[in-house]
Amino acid sequence: MASASMLTAASLSFSPLGALGASRPAASFAPPRRSARVAVTAAAAASNSPAAAAPKKRAATGLTKPRPVSPALQAVVGASEIPRTEALKRLWAYIKQHNLQDPADKKVIVCDEKLKILFGQERVGFLEVAKLLNPHFVK
Protein backbone atom coordinates (compact mmCIF):
# COMPACT_ATOMS: atom_id res chain seq x y z
CA MET A 1 0.00 0.00 0.00
CA ALA A 2 2.86 2.35 0.71
CA SER A 3 4.27 1.80 -2.75
CA ALA A 4 0.95 2.66 -4.44
CA SER A 5 0.64 6.02 -2.71
CA MET A 6 4.27 7.02 -3.21
CA LEU A 7 5.03 9.71 -5.77
CA THR A 8 7.87 9.02 -8.15
CA ALA A 9 9.95 11.38 -10.22
CA ALA A 10 8.35 9.97 -13.35
CA SER A 11 4.84 10.77 -12.13
CA LEU A 12 5.83 14.38 -11.36
CA SER A 13 7.22 15.14 -14.82
CA PHE A 14 5.28 17.45 -17.09
CA SER A 15 5.49 15.16 -20.08
CA PRO A 16 2.44 13.01 -20.77
CA LEU A 17 4.84 10.16 -21.50
CA GLY A 18 6.83 10.72 -18.32
CA ALA A 19 4.48 8.61 -16.25
CA LEU A 20 4.89 5.75 -18.68
CA GLY A 21 8.66 5.90 -18.43
CA ALA A 22 9.12 6.21 -22.20
CA SER A 23 10.73 9.17 -23.91
CA ARG A 24 9.26 8.40 -27.35
CA PRO A 25 6.14 6.67 -28.60
CA ALA A 26 6.63 3.02 -29.41
CA ALA A 27 5.12 3.21 -32.90
CA SER A 28 5.40 5.91 -35.52
CA PHE A 29 2.24 7.17 -37.15
CA ALA A 30 4.15 8.47 -40.21
CA PRO A 31 3.64 6.61 -43.48
CA PRO A 32 6.49 4.33 -44.52
CA ARG A 33 9.28 5.83 -46.60
CA ARG A 34 9.18 5.17 -50.30
CA SER A 35 12.76 5.98 -51.22
CA ALA A 36 13.43 2.52 -52.64
CA ARG A 37 10.47 2.71 -55.01
CA VAL A 38 11.43 6.19 -56.22
CA ALA A 39 15.00 5.05 -56.90
CA VAL A 40 13.79 2.06 -58.91
CA THR A 41 11.42 4.17 -61.05
CA ALA A 42 14.10 6.83 -61.60
CA ALA A 43 16.58 4.18 -62.74
CA ALA A 44 13.98 2.70 -65.09
CA ALA A 45 13.18 6.11 -66.58
CA ALA A 46 16.87 6.85 -67.12
CA SER A 47 17.45 3.55 -68.91
CA ASN A 48 14.52 4.07 -71.33
CA SER A 49 15.78 7.21 -73.09
CA PRO A 50 18.74 9.41 -72.19
CA ALA A 51 17.22 12.44 -73.94
CA ALA A 52 14.10 12.31 -71.78
CA ALA A 53 16.17 12.18 -68.58
CA ALA A 54 18.08 15.38 -69.43
CA PRO A 55 16.58 18.41 -67.63
CA LYS A 56 14.87 20.90 -69.89
CA LYS A 57 15.99 24.51 -69.73
CA ARG A 58 13.29 26.96 -68.82
CA ALA A 59 12.88 30.23 -70.66
CA ALA A 60 14.70 33.12 -68.98
CA THR A 61 12.42 35.53 -67.14
CA GLY A 62 12.84 38.53 -64.86
CA LEU A 63 16.44 39.26 -63.91
CA THR A 64 17.88 36.53 -66.11
CA LYS A 65 16.11 37.60 -69.31
CA PRO A 66 18.39 39.44 -71.75
CA ARG A 67 17.27 43.03 -72.29
CA PRO A 68 18.52 45.69 -74.69
CA VAL A 69 20.80 48.23 -73.00
CA SER A 70 21.66 51.88 -73.56
CA PRO A 71 24.82 52.83 -75.49
CA ALA A 72 26.45 54.08 -72.25
CA LEU A 73 26.02 50.70 -70.56
CA GLN A 74 26.95 48.90 -73.77
CA ALA A 75 30.33 50.70 -73.73
CA VAL A 76 31.09 49.22 -70.30
CA VAL A 77 29.66 45.69 -70.56
CA GLY A 78 30.32 45.12 -74.26
CA ALA A 79 26.93 43.67 -75.27
CA SER A 80 23.80 45.16 -76.82
CA GLU A 81 21.47 42.70 -75.04
CA ILE A 82 22.36 41.27 -71.66
CA PRO A 83 20.59 40.04 -68.49
CA ARG A 84 20.72 42.35 -65.46
CA THR A 85 22.69 39.81 -63.46
CA GLU A 86 25.37 39.49 -66.12
CA ALA A 87 25.51 43.28 -66.59
CA LEU A 88 26.16 43.74 -62.88
CA LYS A 89 28.86 41.05 -62.93
CA ARG A 90 30.61 42.66 -65.89
CA LEU A 91 30.31 46.12 -64.36
CA TRP A 92 31.99 44.92 -61.15
CA ALA A 93 34.68 43.19 -63.21
CA TYR A 94 35.28 46.52 -65.03
CA ILE A 95 35.46 48.39 -61.71
CA LYS A 96 37.97 45.95 -60.22
CA GLN A 97 40.01 45.68 -63.43
CA HIS A 98 40.44 49.47 -63.59
CA ASN A 99 40.94 49.78 -59.80
CA LEU A 100 38.07 52.24 -59.38
CA GLN A 101 37.21 51.51 -55.75
CA ASP A 102 38.20 54.20 -53.26
CA PRO A 103 41.27 52.87 -51.38
CA ALA A 104 40.12 54.46 -48.11
CA ASP A 105 36.53 53.19 -48.40
CA LYS A 106 36.07 50.14 -50.63
CA LYS A 107 32.28 50.64 -50.58
CA VAL A 108 32.66 53.74 -52.77
CA ILE A 109 33.37 53.68 -56.49
CA VAL A 110 35.35 56.54 -57.99
CA CYS A 111 33.96 56.88 -61.53
CA ASP A 112 36.11 57.21 -64.63
CA GLU A 113 34.77 58.84 -67.82
CA LYS A 114 32.66 55.85 -68.91
CA LEU A 115 31.10 55.45 -65.47
CA LYS A 116 30.46 59.20 -65.12
CA ILE A 117 28.38 59.00 -68.28
CA LEU A 118 26.66 55.87 -67.01
CA PHE A 119 25.90 57.02 -63.44
CA GLY A 120 25.96 60.81 -63.80
CA GLN A 121 28.06 61.16 -60.62
CA GLU A 122 31.74 61.20 -59.71
CA ARG A 123 31.40 58.88 -56.68
CA VAL A 124 28.84 56.11 -56.22
CA GLY A 125 28.16 53.82 -53.26
CA PHE A 126 28.16 50.10 -54.06
CA LEU A 127 24.52 49.73 -52.97
CA GLU A 128 23.44 52.41 -55.47
CA VAL A 129 24.91 50.66 -58.51
CA ALA A 130 21.94 48.38 -59.26
CA LYS A 131 19.50 51.26 -58.82
CA LEU A 132 21.47 53.55 -61.13
CA LEU A 133 21.66 50.83 -63.81
CA ASN A 134 17.86 50.52 -63.99
CA PRO A 135 17.26 53.37 -66.50
CA HIS A 136 19.88 51.91 -68.86
CA PHE A 137 17.77 48.80 -69.54
CA VAL A 138 15.42 49.69 -72.40
CA LYS A 139 11.92 48.31 -71.90
C-alpha atoms as a PDB file:
ATOM      1  CA  MET A   1       0.000   0.000   0.000  1.00  0.00           C
ATOM      2  CA  ALA A   2       2.859   2.352   0.715  1.00  0.00           C
ATOM      3  CA  SER A   3       4.274   1.804  -2.746  1.00  0.00           C
ATOM      4  CA  ALA A   4       0.947   2.662  -4.436  1.00  0.00           C
ATOM      5  CA  SER A   5       0.640   6.019  -2.713  1.00  0.00           C
ATOM      6  CA  MET A   6       4.266   7.024  -3.211  1.00  0.00           C
ATOM      7  CA  LEU A   7       5.030   9.706  -5.771  1.00  0.00           C
ATOM      8  CA  THR A   8       7.869   9.020  -8.146  1.00  0.00           C
ATOM      9  CA  ALA A   9       9.947  11.377 -10.224  1.00  0.00           C
ATOM     10  CA  ALA A  10       8.352   9.967 -13.355  1.00  0.00           C
ATOM     11  CA  SER A  11       4.837  10.769 -12.130  1.00  0.00           C
ATOM     12  CA  LEU A  12       5.833  14.377 -11.364  1.00  0.00           C
ATOM     13  CA  SER A  13       7.217  15.138 -14.823  1.00  0.00           C
ATOM     14  CA  PHE A  14       5.283  17.451 -17.086  1.00  0.00           C
ATOM     15  CA  SER A  15       5.489  15.160 -20.075  1.00  0.00           C
ATOM     16  CA  PRO A  16       2.440  13.010 -20.767  1.00  0.00           C
ATOM     17  CA  LEU A  17       4.845  10.157 -21.504  1.00  0.00           C
ATOM     18  CA  GLY A  18       6.832  10.724 -18.317  1.00  0.00           C
ATOM     19  CA  ALA A  19       4.480   8.614 -16.246  1.00  0.00           C
ATOM     20  CA  LEU A  20       4.894   5.746 -18.676  1.00  0.00           C
ATOM     21  CA  GLY A  21       8.656   5.897 -18.431  1.00  0.00           C
ATOM     22  CA  ALA A  22       9.119   6.215 -22.199  1.00  0.00           C
ATOM     23  CA  SER A  23      10.731   9.172 -23.906  1.00  0.00           C
ATOM     24  CA  ARG A  24       9.261   8.398 -27.347  1.00  0.00           C
ATOM     25  CA  PRO A  25       6.137   6.665 -28.599  1.00  0.00           C
ATOM     26  CA  ALA A  26       6.631   3.018 -29.407  1.00  0.00           C
ATOM     27  CA  ALA A  27       5.115   3.206 -32.899  1.00  0.00           C
ATOM     28  CA  SER A  28       5.397   5.912 -35.516  1.00  0.00           C
ATOM     29  CA  PHE A  29       2.244   7.171 -37.154  1.00  0.00           C
ATOM     30  CA  ALA A  30       4.149   8.472 -40.205  1.00  0.00           C
ATOM     31  CA  PRO A  31       3.640   6.606 -43.479  1.00  0.00           C
ATOM     32  CA  PRO A  32       6.492   4.326 -44.516  1.00  0.00           C
ATOM     33  CA  ARG A  33       9.276   5.831 -46.596  1.00  0.00           C
ATOM     34  CA  ARG A  34       9.180   5.172 -50.296  1.00  0.00           C
ATOM     35  CA  SER A  35      12.758   5.983 -51.222  1.00  0.00           C
ATOM     36  CA  ALA A  36      13.428   2.525 -52.641  1.00  0.00           C
ATOM     37  CA  ARG A  37      10.467   2.714 -55.013  1.00  0.00           C
ATOM     38  CA  VAL A  38      11.435   6.194 -56.216  1.00  0.00           C
ATOM     39  CA  ALA A  39      15.003   5.055 -56.896  1.00  0.00           C
ATOM     40  CA  VAL A  40      13.790   2.059 -58.910  1.00  0.00           C
ATOM     41  CA  THR A  41      11.425   4.166 -61.054  1.00  0.00           C
ATOM     42  CA  ALA A  42      14.101   6.833 -61.598  1.00  0.00           C
ATOM     43  CA  ALA A  43      16.576   4.180 -62.739  1.00  0.00           C
ATOM     44  CA  ALA A  44      13.977   2.696 -65.095  1.00  0.00           C
ATOM     45  CA  ALA A  45      13.180   6.108 -66.578  1.00  0.00           C
ATOM     46  CA  ALA A  46      16.868   6.846 -67.125  1.00  0.00           C
ATOM     47  CA  SER A  47      17.448   3.554 -68.909  1.00  0.00           C
ATOM     48  CA  ASN A  48      14.520   4.075 -71.332  1.00  0.00           C
ATOM     49  CA  SER A  49      15.782   7.210 -73.086  1.00  0.00           C
ATOM     50  CA  PRO A  50      18.742   9.411 -72.192  1.00  0.00           C
ATOM     51  CA  ALA A  51      17.216  12.443 -73.944  1.00  0.00           C
ATOM     52  CA  ALA A  52      14.104  12.306 -71.776  1.00  0.00           C
ATOM     53  CA  ALA A  53      16.169  12.183 -68.582  1.00  0.00           C
ATOM     54  CA  ALA A  54      18.085  15.384 -69.427  1.00  0.00           C
ATOM     55  CA  PRO A  55      16.581  18.407 -67.626  1.00  0.00           C
ATOM     56  CA  LYS A  56      14.872  20.896 -69.893  1.00  0.00           C
ATOM     57  CA  LYS A  57      15.989  24.506 -69.731  1.00  0.00           C
ATOM     58  CA  ARG A  58      13.290  26.956 -68.820  1.00  0.00           C
ATOM     59  CA  ALA A  59      12.885  30.235 -70.655  1.00  0.00           C
ATOM     60  CA  ALA A  60      14.705  33.116 -68.978  1.00  0.00           C
ATOM     61  CA  THR A  61      12.418  35.529 -67.135  1.00  0.00           C
ATOM     62  CA  GLY A  62      12.838  38.529 -64.859  1.00  0.00           C
ATOM     63  CA  LEU A  63      16.438  39.257 -63.915  1.00  0.00           C
ATOM     64  CA  THR A  64      17.876  36.526 -66.112  1.00  0.00           C
ATOM     65  CA  LYS A  65      16.105  37.595 -69.311  1.00  0.00           C
ATOM     66  CA  PRO A  66      18.388  39.440 -71.754  1.00  0.00           C
ATOM     67  CA  ARG A  67      17.269  43.027 -72.293  1.00  0.00           C
ATOM     68  CA  PRO A  68      18.517  45.692 -74.690  1.00  0.00           C
ATOM     69  CA  VAL A  69      20.802  48.226 -72.999  1.00  0.00           C
ATOM     70  CA  SER A  70      21.659  51.879 -73.561  1.00  0.00           C
ATOM     71  CA  PRO A  71      24.822  52.827 -75.487  1.00  0.00           C
ATOM     72  CA  ALA A  72      26.448  54.079 -72.252  1.00  0.00           C
ATOM     73  CA  LEU A  73      26.017  50.697 -70.560  1.00  0.00           C
ATOM     74  CA  GLN A  74      26.953  48.900 -73.767  1.00  0.00           C
ATOM     75  CA  ALA A  75      30.335  50.702 -73.728  1.00  0.00           C
ATOM     76  CA  VAL A  76      31.092  49.224 -70.299  1.00  0.00           C
ATOM     77  CA  VAL A  77      29.662  45.691 -70.564  1.00  0.00           C
ATOM     78  CA  GLY A  78      30.316  45.115 -74.262  1.00  0.00           C
ATOM     79  CA  ALA A  79      26.933  43.668 -75.275  1.00  0.00           C
ATOM     80  CA  SER A  80      23.803  45.158 -76.817  1.00  0.00           C
ATOM     81  CA  GLU A  81      21.470  42.703 -75.042  1.00  0.00           C
ATOM     82  CA  ILE A  82      22.361  41.272 -71.658  1.00  0.00           C
ATOM     83  CA  PRO A  83      20.591  40.045 -68.489  1.00  0.00           C
ATOM     84  CA  ARG A  84      20.723  42.346 -65.459  1.00  0.00           C
ATOM     85  CA  THR A  85      22.686  39.813 -63.460  1.00  0.00           C
ATOM     86  CA  GLU A  86      25.369  39.486 -66.120  1.00  0.00           C
ATOM     87  CA  ALA A  87      25.512  43.279 -66.588  1.00  0.00           C
ATOM     88  CA  LEU A  88      26.156  43.740 -62.883  1.00  0.00           C
ATOM     89  CA  LYS A  89      28.863  41.055 -62.930  1.00  0.00           C
ATOM     90  CA  ARG A  90      30.614  42.660 -65.893  1.00  0.00           C
ATOM     91  CA  LEU A  91      30.313  46.122 -64.355  1.00  0.00           C
ATOM     92  CA  TRP A  92      31.994  44.925 -61.147  1.00  0.00           C
ATOM     93  CA  ALA A  93      34.677  43.190 -63.209  1.00  0.00           C
ATOM     94  CA  TYR A  94      35.276  46.521 -65.028  1.00  0.00           C
ATOM     95  CA  ILE A  95      35.463  48.392 -61.707  1.00  0.00           C
ATOM     96  CA  LYS A  96      37.969  45.948 -60.219  1.00  0.00           C
ATOM     97  CA  GLN A  97      40.015  45.684 -63.427  1.00  0.00           C
ATOM     98  CA  HIS A  98      40.445  49.468 -63.589  1.00  0.00           C
ATOM     99  CA  ASN A  99      40.943  49.784 -59.800  1.00  0.00           C
ATOM    100  CA  LEU A 100      38.070  52.238 -59.379  1.00  0.00           C
ATOM    101  CA  GLN A 101      37.210  51.509 -55.748  1.00  0.00           C
ATOM    102  CA  ASP A 102      38.200  54.202 -53.263  1.00  0.00           C
ATOM    103  CA  PRO A 103      41.270  52.866 -51.384  1.00  0.00           C
ATOM    104  CA  ALA A 104      40.119  54.460 -48.114  1.00  0.00           C
ATOM    105  CA  ASP A 105      36.533  53.188 -48.397  1.00  0.00           C
ATOM    106  CA  LYS A 106      36.072  50.136 -50.634  1.00  0.00           C
ATOM    107  CA  LYS A 107      32.279  50.636 -50.576  1.00  0.00           C
ATOM    108  CA  VAL A 108      32.658  53.741 -52.765  1.00  0.00           C
ATOM    109  CA  ILE A 109      33.372  53.677 -56.492  1.00  0.00           C
ATOM    110  CA  VAL A 110      35.346  56.543 -57.994  1.00  0.00           C
ATOM    111  CA  CYS A 111      33.956  56.877 -61.526  1.00  0.00           C
ATOM    112  CA  ASP A 112      36.107  57.206 -64.631  1.00  0.00           C
ATOM    113  CA  GLU A 113      34.774  58.838 -67.822  1.00  0.00           C
ATOM    114  CA  LYS A 114      32.657  55.848 -68.914  1.00  0.00           C
ATOM    115  CA  LEU A 115      31.097  55.448 -65.468  1.00  0.00           C
ATOM    116  CA  LYS A 116      30.465  59.199 -65.115  1.00  0.00           C
ATOM    117  CA  ILE A 117      28.379  59.003 -68.284  1.00  0.00           C
ATOM    118  CA  LEU A 118      26.664  55.871 -67.006  1.00  0.00           C
ATOM    119  CA  PHE A 119      25.902  57.019 -63.442  1.00  0.00           C
ATOM    120  CA  GLY A 120      25.962  60.812 -63.799  1.00  0.00           C
ATOM    121  CA  GLN A 121      28.060  61.162 -60.622  1.00  0.00           C
ATOM    122  CA  GLU A 122      31.744  61.199 -59.706  1.00  0.00           C
ATOM    123  CA  ARG A 123      31.397  58.877 -56.681  1.00  0.00           C
ATOM    124  CA  VAL A 124      28.841  56.107 -56.218  1.00  0.00           C
ATOM    125  CA  GLY A 125      28.158  53.820 -53.260  1.00  0.00           C
ATOM    126  CA  PHE A 126      28.156  50.104 -54.062  1.00  0.00           C
ATOM    127  CA  LEU A 127      24.516  49.734 -52.974  1.00  0.00           C
ATOM    128  CA  GLU A 128      23.443  52.410 -55.466  1.00  0.00           C
ATOM    129  CA  VAL A 129      24.913  50.664 -58.511  1.00  0.00           C
ATOM    130  CA  ALA A 130      21.945  48.384 -59.259  1.00  0.00           C
ATOM    131  CA  LYS A 131      19.498  51.265 -58.817  1.00  0.00           C
ATOM    132  CA  LEU A 132      21.472  53.555 -61.125  1.00  0.00           C
ATOM    133  CA  LEU A 133      21.662  50.830 -63.808  1.00  0.00           C
ATOM    134  CA  ASN A 134      17.865  50.521 -63.991  1.00  0.00           C
ATOM    135  CA  PRO A 135      17.255  53.372 -66.497  1.00  0.00           C
ATOM    136  CA  HIS A 136      19.875  51.912 -68.861  1.00  0.00           C
ATOM    137  CA  PHE A 137      17.770  48.803 -69.540  1.00  0.00           C
ATOM    138  CA  VAL A 138      15.423  49.691 -72.395  1.00  0.00           C
ATOM    139  CA  LYS A 139      11.923  48.314 -71.905  1.00  0.00           C
END
